[in-house]
């Protein structure tokens, strides 16, 4: 009987000790995972704004943090596009010599299989796309998953988020190739073969998010902010 109690007591002690050790390990790993997530976000904000200029350059975690601290100013704006510490909309501003040299905004929405997350960067003119990155998604590799590849994201560079009348519009992923003679070509990018639904999803959430930030960029174009 005493032997059985000893075994039960010993096993209980081991279970408690292992549970504590696993809990400590999980907490430690979560902190590291959270740090890696934040660094990945900062890396994508930088890359959307063209930092570094050499896209093939690999940045260490220390370089990402250093460049972000040096180059990026983070502000919040409200629905009227005014800077507001209580605003719900985040804007990441690339600073050069004390002046804004580009703006990055978060974009996200449903693709075919997943929620897609990324950052869209706009030139100082408040209307021309500087770059875009997609850093988190669960789209099909080789099909919708191609949205993260440079051959696709580079198509956005130079596109316009306003029409000839100055109205805020989205950037649309077309099926197939953009017709350069189409009047809307400046707001369109080539689609991905076999990923029509992913492209439609990207078009929808880009239009939604760009219009959400429309008042902010309108103020930029007017030289108010």
Protein backbone atom coordinates (compact mmCIF):
# COMPACT_ATOMS: atom_id res chain seq x y z
CA UNK A 1 0.00 0.00 0.00
CA UNK A 2 2.81 2.40 0.99
CA UNK A 3 4.62 1.45 -2.20
CA UNK A 4 1.59 2.40 -4.30
CA UNK A 5 1.24 5.73 -2.48
CA UNK A 6 4.91 6.43 -3.07
CA UNK A 7 4.56 5.73 -6.79
CA UNK A 8 1.46 7.93 -7.04
CA UNK A 9 3.16 10.73 -5.12
CA UNK A 10 6.29 10.47 -7.24
CA UNK A 11 4.32 10.54 -10.52
CA UNK A 12 2.26 13.50 -9.32
CA UNK A 13 5.41 15.42 -8.44
CA UNK A 14 6.95 14.68 -11.84
CA UNK A 15 3.74 15.75 -13.59
CA UNK A 16 3.65 19.06 -11.72
CA UNK A 17 7.33 19.76 -12.38
CA UNK A 18 7.02 18.93 -16.10
CA UNK A 19 3.90 21.10 -16.31
CA UNK A 20 5.77 24.05 -14.82
CA UNK A 21 8.73 23.53 -17.14
CA UNK A 22 6.46 23.31 -20.21
CA UNK A 23 4.62 26.44 -19.13
CA UNK A 24 7.87 28.35 -18.74
CA UNK A 25 9.10 27.11 -22.12
CA UNK A 26 5.82 28.10 -23.81
CA UNK A 27 5.97 31.58 -22.27
CA UNK A 28 9.57 32.03 -23.35
CA UNK A 29 8.83 30.84 -26.90
CA UNK A 30 5.74 33.06 -27.16
CA UNK A 31 7.79 36.14 -26.32
CA UNK A 32 10.29 35.19 -29.03
CA UNK A 33 7.50 34.43 -31.52
CA UNK A 34 5.81 37.77 -30.80
CA UNK A 35 9.13 39.56 -31.34
CA UNK A 36 9.66 37.76 -34.65
CA UNK A 37 6.13 38.69 -35.78
CA UNK A 38 6.74 42.36 -34.97
CA UNK A 39 10.09 42.30 -36.80
CA UNK A 40 8.46 40.70 -39.85
CA UNK A 41 5.79 43.41 -39.88
CA UNK A 42 8.44 46.14 -39.65
CA UNK A 43 10.44 44.48 -42.43
CA UNK A 44 7.40 44.51 -44.70
CA UNK A 45 6.60 48.14 -43.93
CA UNK A 46 10.19 49.03 -44.85
CA UNK A 47 10.15 46.98 -48.05
CA UNK A 48 6.84 48.45 -49.20
CA UNK A 49 8.50 51.87 -48.92
CA UNK A 50 11.56 50.73 -50.86
CA UNK A 51 13.90 50.20 -47.91
CA UNK A 52 16.48 48.95 -48.65
CA UNK A 53 16.65 50.04 -52.28
CA UNK A 54 18.28 46.73 -53.23
CA UNK A 55 15.36 44.29 -52.95
CA UNK A 56 17.69 41.30 -52.88
CA UNK A 57 19.44 42.55 -49.74
CA UNK A 58 18.75 40.43 -46.69
CA UNK A 59 18.26 42.33 -43.45
CA UNK A 60 19.18 40.98 -40.06
CA UNK A 61 16.71 41.51 -37.18
CA UNK A 62 19.04 44.19 -35.80
CA UNK A 63 19.14 45.99 -39.16
CA UNK A 64 15.35 45.87 -39.48
CA UNK A 65 14.89 47.43 -36.05
CA UNK A 66 17.58 50.04 -36.65
CA UNK A 67 16.19 51.10 -40.04
CA UNK A 68 12.64 51.22 -38.71
CA UNK A 69 13.65 53.41 -35.76
CA UNK A 70 15.71 55.68 -38.03
CA UNK A 71 13.37 56.01 -41.03
CA UNK A 72 9.78 55.44 -39.90
CA UNK A 73 7.43 57.73 -38.02
CA UNK A 74 4.16 56.12 -36.92
CA UNK A 75 1.01 58.20 -36.56
CA UNK A 76 -2.70 57.62 -36.08
CA UNK A 77 -5.35 59.39 -38.13
CA UNK A 78 -9.11 59.57 -37.77
CA UNK A 79 -11.82 58.96 -40.38
CA UNK A 80 -11.52 62.57 -41.54
CA UNK A 81 -7.86 61.97 -42.36
CA UNK A 82 -6.55 64.21 -39.58
CA UNK A 83 -3.71 63.16 -37.31
CA UNK A 84 -5.30 62.05 -34.06
CA UNK A 85 -3.67 60.07 -31.21
CA UNK A 86 -7.05 58.39 -30.68
CA UNK A 87 -7.58 57.61 -34.38
CA UNK A 88 -8.12 54.06 -35.54
CA UNK A 89 -6.04 54.25 -38.73
CA UNK A 90 -2.28 53.69 -38.61
CA UNK A 91 0.06 55.40 -41.07
CA UNK A 92 3.79 54.70 -41.33
CA UNK A 93 5.70 57.67 -42.74
CA UNK A 94 9.15 57.35 -44.27
CA UNK A 95 11.15 60.41 -43.19
CA UNK A 96 14.07 61.88 -45.13
CA UNK A 97 15.81 65.03 -43.89
CA UNK A 98 12.88 65.74 -41.60
CA UNK A 99 10.28 65.56 -44.38
CA UNK A 100 7.78 62.83 -45.40
CA UNK A 101 9.07 60.68 -48.27
CA UNK A 102 6.29 58.14 -48.58
CA UNK A 103 3.41 56.65 -46.63
CA UNK A 104 2.59 53.00 -45.86
CA UNK A 105 -0.81 51.74 -44.73
CA UNK A 106 -1.92 48.27 -43.61
CA UNK A 107 -4.19 46.36 -45.99
CA UNK A 108 -6.00 43.09 -45.35
CA UNK A 109 -8.97 41.01 -46.39
CA UNK A 110 -10.21 37.66 -47.59
CA UNK A 111 -8.59 35.90 -50.51
CA UNK A 112 -9.79 32.46 -51.60
CA UNK A 113 -8.76 30.40 -48.56
CA UNK A 114 -7.45 32.87 -46.05
CA UNK A 115 -7.17 36.41 -44.77
CA UNK A 116 -4.33 38.17 -46.57
CA UNK A 117 -2.25 40.81 -44.77
CA UNK A 118 0.07 43.36 -46.30
CA UNK A 119 1.24 46.96 -46.59
CA UNK A 120 0.62 49.42 -49.42
CA UNK A 121 3.03 52.34 -49.84
CA UNK A 122 2.13 55.62 -51.51
CA UNK A 123 4.49 58.27 -52.86
CA UNK A 124 4.67 61.75 -51.25
CA UNK A 125 2.24 62.99 -53.94
CA UNK A 126 -0.53 61.08 -52.13
CA UNK A 127 -1.73 59.23 -55.23
CA UNK A 128 0.99 57.05 -56.79
CA UNK A 129 1.79 53.55 -55.53
CA UNK A 130 5.40 53.13 -54.45
CA UNK A 131 5.17 49.46 -53.49
CA UNK A 132 3.20 46.70 -51.82
CA UNK A 133 3.99 43.61 -49.78
CA UNK A 134 1.90 40.64 -48.69
CA UNK A 135 3.43 38.99 -45.65
CA UNK A 136 0.80 36.63 -44.25
CA UNK A 137 -1.73 34.43 -46.03
CA UNK A 138 -2.85 30.85 -46.58
CA UNK A 139 -3.42 30.94 -50.33
CA UNK A 140 -2.51 27.96 -52.55
CA UNK A 141 1.25 27.70 -53.23
CA UNK A 142 2.01 28.23 -56.91
CA UNK A 143 -1.39 29.83 -57.53
CA UNK A 144 -2.86 32.42 -55.16
CA UNK A 145 0.29 32.15 -53.08
CA UNK A 146 2.12 34.01 -55.85
CA UNK A 147 0.74 37.29 -54.48
CA UNK A 148 3.80 37.55 -52.23
CA UNK A 149 6.28 37.21 -55.13
CA UNK A 150 8.08 40.24 -56.53
CA UNK A 151 6.96 39.54 -60.10
CA UNK A 152 3.39 40.20 -58.93
CA UNK A 153 3.91 42.99 -56.38
CA UNK A 154 6.16 44.97 -58.76
CA UNK A 155 3.13 45.41 -61.06
CA UNK A 156 1.62 47.81 -58.52
CA UNK A 157 4.48 50.32 -58.68
CA UNK A 158 3.39 53.53 -60.42
CA UNK A 159 -0.33 52.75 -60.33
CA UNK A 160 -2.74 55.49 -59.24
CA UNK A 161 -5.25 55.47 -56.36
CA UNK A 162 -7.19 58.45 -57.75
CA UNK A 163 -8.94 58.89 -61.08
CA UNK A 164 -8.83 61.86 -63.46
CA UNK A 165 -11.45 63.68 -61.38
CA UNK A 166 -9.48 63.20 -58.17
CA UNK A 167 -11.80 60.53 -56.74
CA UNK A 168 -10.23 57.80 -54.61
CA UNK A 169 -10.36 54.41 -56.35
CA UNK A 170 -8.86 51.01 -55.73
CA UNK A 171 -6.19 49.02 -57.53
CA UNK A 172 -7.80 46.08 -59.31
CA UNK A 173 -6.29 42.73 -60.22
CA UNK A 174 -7.62 41.82 -63.65
CA UNK A 175 -8.05 38.39 -65.17
CA UNK A 176 -5.14 37.95 -67.56
CA UNK A 177 -3.14 40.97 -68.72
CA UNK A 178 -3.93 44.65 -68.34
CA UNK A 179 -4.94 46.30 -71.63
CA UNK A 180 -2.60 49.32 -71.85
CA UNK A 181 -5.16 51.11 -74.04
CA UNK A 182 -7.90 50.82 -71.40
CA UNK A 183 -8.59 54.12 -69.63
CA UNK A 184 -8.53 52.22 -66.31
CA UNK A 185 -5.13 50.60 -66.95
CA UNK A 186 -3.46 52.99 -64.50
CA UNK A 187 -5.61 51.45 -61.74
CA UNK A 188 -5.11 47.80 -62.79
CA UNK A 189 -2.46 45.07 -62.48
CA UNK A 190 -1.97 41.73 -64.24
CA UNK A 191 -3.72 38.78 -62.65
CA UNK A 192 -2.28 35.44 -61.60
CA UNK A 193 -3.06 32.47 -63.83
CA UNK A 194 -5.36 30.02 -62.01
CA UNK A 195 -5.93 32.39 -59.07
CA UNK A 196 -8.91 34.47 -60.18
CA UNK A 197 -10.69 34.30 -56.82
CA UNK A 198 -7.56 35.36 -54.92
CA UNK A 199 -7.21 38.29 -57.32
CA UNK A 200 -10.82 39.32 -56.78
CA UNK A 201 -10.29 39.20 -53.03
CA UNK A 202 -7.20 41.40 -53.29
CA UNK A 203 -9.12 43.88 -55.46
CA UNK A 204 -11.96 44.06 -52.96
CA UNK A 205 -9.94 44.68 -49.85
CA UNK A 206 -7.50 47.09 -51.54
CA UNK A 207 -10.42 49.22 -52.71
CA UNK A 208 -11.96 49.11 -49.22
CA UNK A 209 -8.74 50.04 -47.42
CA UNK A 210 -7.59 52.68 -49.93
CA UNK A 211 -10.96 54.43 -49.69
CA UNK A 212 -10.82 54.21 -45.89
CA UNK A 213 -7.58 56.21 -46.04
CA UNK A 214 -8.93 58.42 -48.85
CA UNK A 215 -9.46 61.52 -46.66
CA UNK A 216 -5.88 61.30 -45.36
CA UNK A 217 -4.35 61.14 -48.85
CA UNK A 218 -6.72 63.84 -50.06
CA UNK A 219 -5.26 66.11 -47.38
CA UNK A 220 -1.75 65.12 -48.47
CA UNK A 221 -2.53 66.04 -52.08
CA UNK A 222 -3.97 69.34 -50.92
CA UNK A 223 -0.83 70.06 -48.87
CA UNK A 224 -2.78 70.21 -45.60
CA UNK A 225 -1.18 67.43 -43.50
